Amino acid sequence: MAYTREPLSGSTHGRGIKVAATGTPGTTIHTGQASTTLTDVVTLYATNTDTVTRRLTLEWGGTTAVDDHLIFDLPPKSVVPIVPDLIIRNSLVVKAFCDTANVVSIFGFVNVEA
C-alpha cells in the first residue's frame, strides 16, 4: 500500500479549521475517500485559544450515534494531539463541535491510500 500525506479536506492549504458549530452536525473537518477499500489515515491536533477549558466533540463518520463521538476537554491556550492515526473511508465525514463557537481550531493531515 502506498500513501501520500495531504491536508484535511476541510482545510484551506493545511491551515487550521475553526470550529464554529456548537452542536450537531458539527463543522466539517475531513471527508473520507469515496471507496470501500481505500483508507484515509487521519491525524488531528486541537488548539484552544480561550482562557478556560473547552469541550470538543468529534463526530467520527456519523452524527446521531453516541458511539461515533470522541469527546475531549481542552485546556486553555494549548495545542493537544487528539487523533493519532484513526481511519475513515467510504465518504464518511469527520465533524466537530464545541461548547463555545470559534475558540477551538483543528489542525492535521491525512495519509491517503492510493
N, C-alpha and C. Protein backbone atom coordinates (compact mmCIF):
# COMPACT_ATOMS: atom_id res chain seq x y z
N MET A 1 0.84 -1.18 0.00
CA MET A 1 0.00 0.00 0.00
C MET A 1 0.88 1.25 0.00
N ALA A 2 0.52 2.20 -0.84
CA ALA A 2 1.24 3.47 -0.90
C ALA A 2 0.34 4.58 -0.38
N TYR A 3 0.93 5.48 0.40
CA TYR A 3 0.18 6.60 0.96
C TYR A 3 0.86 7.90 0.60
N THR A 4 0.06 8.95 0.45
CA THR A 4 0.57 10.30 0.31
C THR A 4 -0.04 11.16 1.41
N ARG A 5 0.74 12.09 1.95
CA ARG A 5 0.25 12.98 3.01
C ARG A 5 -0.40 14.20 2.37
N GLU A 6 -1.64 14.47 2.79
CA GLU A 6 -2.43 15.55 2.22
C GLU A 6 -3.06 16.38 3.35
N PRO A 7 -3.45 17.63 3.04
CA PRO A 7 -4.19 18.41 4.03
C PRO A 7 -5.58 17.81 4.25
N LEU A 8 -6.17 18.12 5.37
CA LEU A 8 -7.56 17.72 5.63
C LEU A 8 -8.46 18.35 4.57
N SER A 9 -9.50 17.65 4.16
CA SER A 9 -10.36 18.18 3.09
C SER A 9 -11.13 19.43 3.52
N GLY A 10 -11.32 19.63 4.82
CA GLY A 10 -12.00 20.83 5.31
C GLY A 10 -11.08 22.01 5.50
N SER A 11 -9.79 21.82 5.22
CA SER A 11 -8.78 22.86 5.42
C SER A 11 -8.46 23.57 4.12
N THR A 12 -8.02 24.80 4.25
CA THR A 12 -7.52 25.55 3.10
C THR A 12 -6.00 25.51 3.15
N HIS A 13 -5.39 24.71 2.30
CA HIS A 13 -3.94 24.61 2.17
C HIS A 13 -3.25 24.25 3.48
N GLY A 14 -3.89 23.42 4.31
CA GLY A 14 -3.28 22.97 5.55
C GLY A 14 -3.48 23.88 6.75
N ARG A 15 -4.22 24.96 6.57
CA ARG A 15 -4.48 25.87 7.68
C ARG A 15 -5.48 25.25 8.66
N GLY A 16 -5.55 25.79 9.86
CA GLY A 16 -6.47 25.31 10.87
C GLY A 16 -7.92 25.50 10.46
N ILE A 17 -8.77 24.64 10.98
CA ILE A 17 -10.20 24.71 10.71
C ILE A 17 -10.89 25.19 11.99
N LYS A 18 -11.43 26.39 11.96
CA LYS A 18 -12.12 26.96 13.12
C LYS A 18 -13.42 26.22 13.35
N VAL A 19 -13.64 25.74 14.57
CA VAL A 19 -14.86 25.01 14.91
C VAL A 19 -15.93 26.04 15.28
N ALA A 20 -16.84 26.27 14.33
CA ALA A 20 -17.90 27.26 14.53
C ALA A 20 -19.16 26.66 15.14
N ALA A 21 -19.36 25.37 14.91
CA ALA A 21 -20.59 24.71 15.38
C ALA A 21 -20.55 24.51 16.90
N THR A 22 -21.72 24.69 17.52
CA THR A 22 -21.84 24.45 18.96
C THR A 22 -22.75 23.24 19.25
N GLY A 23 -23.12 22.52 18.21
CA GLY A 23 -23.94 21.32 18.34
C GLY A 23 -23.88 20.53 17.06
N THR A 24 -24.55 19.40 17.07
CA THR A 24 -24.54 18.53 15.91
C THR A 24 -25.51 19.03 14.84
N PRO A 25 -25.22 18.89 13.56
CA PRO A 25 -23.97 18.40 12.99
C PRO A 25 -22.88 19.46 13.10
N GLY A 26 -21.66 19.01 13.29
CA GLY A 26 -20.55 19.91 13.51
C GLY A 26 -19.95 20.48 12.24
N THR A 27 -18.90 21.24 12.44
CA THR A 27 -18.09 21.81 11.35
C THR A 27 -17.34 20.67 10.67
N THR A 28 -17.34 20.63 9.34
CA THR A 28 -16.65 19.56 8.61
C THR A 28 -15.14 19.71 8.73
N ILE A 29 -14.50 18.62 9.15
CA ILE A 29 -13.05 18.56 9.28
C ILE A 29 -12.44 17.80 8.10
N HIS A 30 -13.00 16.63 7.80
CA HIS A 30 -12.47 15.82 6.70
C HIS A 30 -13.53 14.85 6.20
N THR A 31 -13.53 14.63 4.89
CA THR A 31 -14.39 13.63 4.26
C THR A 31 -13.51 12.54 3.68
N GLY A 32 -13.79 11.31 4.06
CA GLY A 32 -13.01 10.17 3.57
C GLY A 32 -13.21 9.93 2.08
N GLN A 33 -12.30 9.17 1.51
CA GLN A 33 -12.38 8.83 0.09
C GLN A 33 -13.68 8.08 -0.21
N ALA A 34 -14.17 8.25 -1.42
CA ALA A 34 -15.39 7.57 -1.86
C ALA A 34 -15.03 6.15 -2.31
N SER A 35 -14.53 5.35 -1.37
CA SER A 35 -14.11 3.99 -1.67
C SER A 35 -14.34 3.14 -0.43
N THR A 36 -14.74 1.90 -0.64
CA THR A 36 -14.89 0.99 0.49
C THR A 36 -13.59 0.24 0.78
N THR A 37 -12.57 0.43 -0.04
CA THR A 37 -11.31 -0.28 0.16
C THR A 37 -10.12 0.64 0.41
N LEU A 38 -10.13 1.86 -0.13
CA LEU A 38 -9.03 2.79 0.08
C LEU A 38 -9.24 3.57 1.37
N THR A 39 -8.19 3.67 2.17
CA THR A 39 -8.29 4.20 3.52
C THR A 39 -7.62 5.56 3.64
N ASP A 40 -8.24 6.45 4.42
CA ASP A 40 -7.61 7.69 4.86
C ASP A 40 -7.20 7.50 6.32
N VAL A 41 -5.95 7.78 6.63
CA VAL A 41 -5.45 7.70 8.00
C VAL A 41 -5.32 9.14 8.49
N VAL A 42 -6.16 9.49 9.46
CA VAL A 42 -6.31 10.89 9.89
C VAL A 42 -5.56 11.13 11.20
N THR A 43 -4.80 12.22 11.24
CA THR A 43 -4.13 12.68 12.46
C THR A 43 -4.58 14.11 12.74
N LEU A 44 -5.05 14.36 13.97
CA LEU A 44 -5.61 15.67 14.31
C LEU A 44 -5.00 16.23 15.59
N TYR A 45 -4.89 17.55 15.61
CA TYR A 45 -4.49 18.33 16.78
C TYR A 45 -5.55 19.40 16.99
N ALA A 46 -5.81 19.75 18.24
CA ALA A 46 -6.76 20.82 18.54
C ALA A 46 -6.06 21.90 19.33
N THR A 47 -6.41 23.15 19.04
CA THR A 47 -5.90 24.26 19.82
C THR A 47 -7.07 25.05 20.40
N ASN A 48 -6.97 25.34 21.68
CA ASN A 48 -7.99 26.12 22.39
C ASN A 48 -7.38 27.49 22.69
N THR A 49 -7.87 28.53 22.04
CA THR A 49 -7.33 29.87 22.24
C THR A 49 -8.03 30.63 23.35
N ASP A 50 -9.00 30.02 23.99
CA ASP A 50 -9.75 30.68 25.06
C ASP A 50 -8.95 30.64 26.37
N THR A 51 -9.47 31.30 27.39
CA THR A 51 -8.80 31.36 28.70
C THR A 51 -9.34 30.32 29.67
N VAL A 52 -10.31 29.51 29.25
CA VAL A 52 -10.88 28.46 30.07
C VAL A 52 -10.92 27.16 29.28
N THR A 53 -11.06 26.04 29.98
CA THR A 53 -11.17 24.73 29.35
C THR A 53 -12.43 24.67 28.50
N ARG A 54 -12.31 24.10 27.31
CA ARG A 54 -13.45 23.94 26.40
C ARG A 54 -13.61 22.48 26.03
N ARG A 55 -14.88 22.05 25.88
CA ARG A 55 -15.19 20.67 25.49
C ARG A 55 -15.38 20.61 23.98
N LEU A 56 -14.62 19.73 23.35
CA LEU A 56 -14.68 19.48 21.91
C LEU A 56 -15.24 18.09 21.68
N THR A 57 -16.19 17.98 20.76
CA THR A 57 -16.74 16.68 20.36
C THR A 57 -16.46 16.47 18.89
N LEU A 58 -15.79 15.36 18.56
CA LEU A 58 -15.63 14.94 17.16
C LEU A 58 -16.72 13.93 16.84
N GLU A 59 -17.32 14.09 15.69
CA GLU A 59 -18.31 13.14 15.18
C GLU A 59 -17.60 12.33 14.09
N TRP A 60 -17.27 11.08 14.40
CA TRP A 60 -16.43 10.26 13.52
C TRP A 60 -17.30 9.38 12.64
N GLY A 61 -17.65 9.89 11.47
CA GLY A 61 -18.41 9.12 10.50
C GLY A 61 -19.92 9.15 10.67
N GLY A 62 -20.41 9.74 11.74
CA GLY A 62 -21.85 9.82 11.97
C GLY A 62 -22.14 10.93 12.96
N THR A 63 -23.41 11.37 12.97
CA THR A 63 -23.77 12.48 13.85
C THR A 63 -24.84 12.12 14.87
N THR A 64 -25.44 10.95 14.77
CA THR A 64 -26.56 10.63 15.66
C THR A 64 -26.23 9.62 16.74
N ALA A 65 -25.31 8.71 16.50
CA ALA A 65 -24.99 7.67 17.49
C ALA A 65 -23.87 8.16 18.41
N VAL A 66 -24.08 8.03 19.71
CA VAL A 66 -23.04 8.47 20.64
C VAL A 66 -21.76 7.65 20.49
N ASP A 67 -21.86 6.46 19.93
CA ASP A 67 -20.67 5.66 19.69
C ASP A 67 -19.75 6.29 18.64
N ASP A 68 -20.26 7.24 17.87
CA ASP A 68 -19.45 7.96 16.87
C ASP A 68 -18.79 9.20 17.45
N HIS A 69 -19.01 9.49 18.73
CA HIS A 69 -18.49 10.72 19.34
C HIS A 69 -17.19 10.45 20.09
N LEU A 70 -16.20 11.30 19.83
CA LEU A 70 -14.96 11.34 20.59
C LEU A 70 -14.96 12.67 21.33
N ILE A 71 -14.84 12.65 22.66
CA ILE A 71 -15.02 13.86 23.46
C ILE A 71 -13.72 14.21 24.18
N PHE A 72 -13.34 15.50 24.10
CA PHE A 72 -12.09 15.97 24.68
C PHE A 72 -12.34 17.25 25.46
N ASP A 73 -11.72 17.38 26.62
CA ASP A 73 -11.69 18.64 27.36
C ASP A 73 -10.32 19.27 27.12
N LEU A 74 -10.33 20.41 26.43
CA LEU A 74 -9.09 21.05 26.00
C LEU A 74 -8.69 22.16 26.97
N PRO A 75 -7.50 22.08 27.54
CA PRO A 75 -7.06 23.15 28.43
C PRO A 75 -6.86 24.46 27.67
N PRO A 76 -6.95 25.59 28.39
CA PRO A 76 -6.80 26.89 27.73
C PRO A 76 -5.38 27.10 27.18
N LYS A 77 -5.33 27.86 26.10
CA LYS A 77 -4.05 28.26 25.49
C LYS A 77 -3.14 27.06 25.25
N SER A 78 -3.69 26.04 24.61
CA SER A 78 -2.92 24.80 24.43
C SER A 78 -3.12 24.23 23.04
N VAL A 79 -2.18 23.38 22.65
CA VAL A 79 -2.31 22.55 21.46
C VAL A 79 -2.22 21.11 21.93
N VAL A 80 -3.23 20.30 21.58
CA VAL A 80 -3.34 18.95 22.10
C VAL A 80 -3.48 17.96 20.94
N PRO A 81 -2.64 16.90 20.90
CA PRO A 81 -2.89 15.85 19.91
C PRO A 81 -4.15 15.09 20.32
N ILE A 82 -5.11 14.97 19.40
CA ILE A 82 -6.38 14.34 19.76
C ILE A 82 -6.67 13.07 18.98
N VAL A 83 -6.18 12.94 17.77
CA VAL A 83 -6.43 11.73 16.97
C VAL A 83 -5.11 11.26 16.37
N PRO A 84 -4.58 10.15 16.89
CA PRO A 84 -3.33 9.61 16.37
C PRO A 84 -3.58 8.48 15.37
N ASP A 85 -3.86 8.83 14.13
CA ASP A 85 -3.93 7.82 13.07
C ASP A 85 -5.16 6.91 13.14
N LEU A 86 -6.33 7.49 13.17
CA LEU A 86 -7.57 6.71 13.02
C LEU A 86 -7.97 6.72 11.55
N ILE A 87 -8.67 5.66 11.12
CA ILE A 87 -9.03 5.54 9.71
C ILE A 87 -10.48 5.94 9.46
N ILE A 88 -10.71 6.35 8.22
CA ILE A 88 -12.07 6.62 7.74
C ILE A 88 -12.07 6.37 6.23
N ARG A 89 -13.21 5.96 5.71
CA ARG A 89 -13.34 5.68 4.27
C ARG A 89 -14.81 5.77 3.87
N ASN A 90 -15.11 5.45 2.62
CA ASN A 90 -16.47 5.33 2.10
C ASN A 90 -17.27 6.63 2.23
N SER A 91 -16.60 7.77 2.00
CA SER A 91 -17.22 9.10 2.04
C SER A 91 -17.78 9.49 3.41
N LEU A 92 -17.39 8.78 4.47
CA LEU A 92 -17.82 9.18 5.80
C LEU A 92 -17.10 10.48 6.19
N VAL A 93 -17.72 11.24 7.08
CA VAL A 93 -17.25 12.59 7.38
C VAL A 93 -16.88 12.71 8.86
N VAL A 94 -15.77 13.40 9.11
CA VAL A 94 -15.38 13.79 10.46
C VAL A 94 -15.83 15.23 10.67
N LYS A 95 -16.64 15.44 11.70
CA LYS A 95 -17.14 16.78 12.02
C LYS A 95 -16.78 17.10 13.46
N ALA A 96 -16.86 18.39 13.83
CA ALA A 96 -16.53 18.78 15.20
C ALA A 96 -17.46 19.88 15.66
N PHE A 97 -17.80 19.83 16.97
CA PHE A 97 -18.48 20.97 17.59
C PHE A 97 -17.90 21.20 18.97
N CYS A 98 -18.09 22.41 19.47
CA CYS A 98 -17.51 22.82 20.74
C CYS A 98 -18.57 23.54 21.57
N ASP A 99 -18.37 23.60 22.88
CA ASP A 99 -19.35 24.27 23.73
C ASP A 99 -19.39 25.79 23.51
N THR A 100 -18.37 26.35 22.88
CA THR A 100 -18.35 27.76 22.51
C THR A 100 -17.80 27.88 21.09
N ALA A 101 -18.42 28.70 20.27
CA ALA A 101 -18.01 28.84 18.87
C ALA A 101 -16.71 29.62 18.73
N ASN A 102 -15.90 29.20 17.77
CA ASN A 102 -14.76 29.96 17.28
C ASN A 102 -13.63 30.17 18.28
N VAL A 103 -13.47 29.26 19.24
CA VAL A 103 -12.33 29.33 20.15
C VAL A 103 -11.41 28.12 20.01
N VAL A 104 -11.86 27.10 19.28
CA VAL A 104 -11.06 25.90 19.03
C VAL A 104 -10.85 25.76 17.52
N SER A 105 -9.60 25.43 17.16
CA SER A 105 -9.28 25.13 15.76
C SER A 105 -8.67 23.74 15.69
N ILE A 106 -8.92 23.07 14.56
CA ILE A 106 -8.39 21.74 14.31
C ILE A 106 -7.33 21.84 13.22
N PHE A 107 -6.17 21.25 13.49
CA PHE A 107 -5.09 21.15 12.53
C PHE A 107 -4.81 19.67 12.31
N GLY A 108 -4.18 19.35 11.20
CA GLY A 108 -3.82 17.95 11.00
C GLY A 108 -3.55 17.64 9.55
N PHE A 109 -3.52 16.34 9.29
CA PHE A 109 -3.25 15.86 7.95
C PHE A 109 -3.87 14.48 7.79
N VAL A 110 -3.89 14.02 6.55
CA VAL A 110 -4.41 12.69 6.26
C VAL A 110 -3.41 11.98 5.35
N ASN A 111 -3.11 10.74 5.69
CA ASN A 111 -2.33 9.89 4.80
C ASN A 111 -3.33 9.14 3.95
N VAL A 112 -3.32 9.43 2.65
CA VAL A 112 -4.31 8.92 1.71
C VAL A 112 -3.73 7.71 0.97
N GLU A 113 -4.45 6.61 1.05
CA GLU A 113 -4.04 5.39 0.34
C GLU A 113 -4.35 5.54 -1.14
N ALA A 114 -3.38 5.20 -1.95
CA ALA A 114 -3.59 5.31 -3.41
C ALA A 114 -3.67 3.94 -4.04
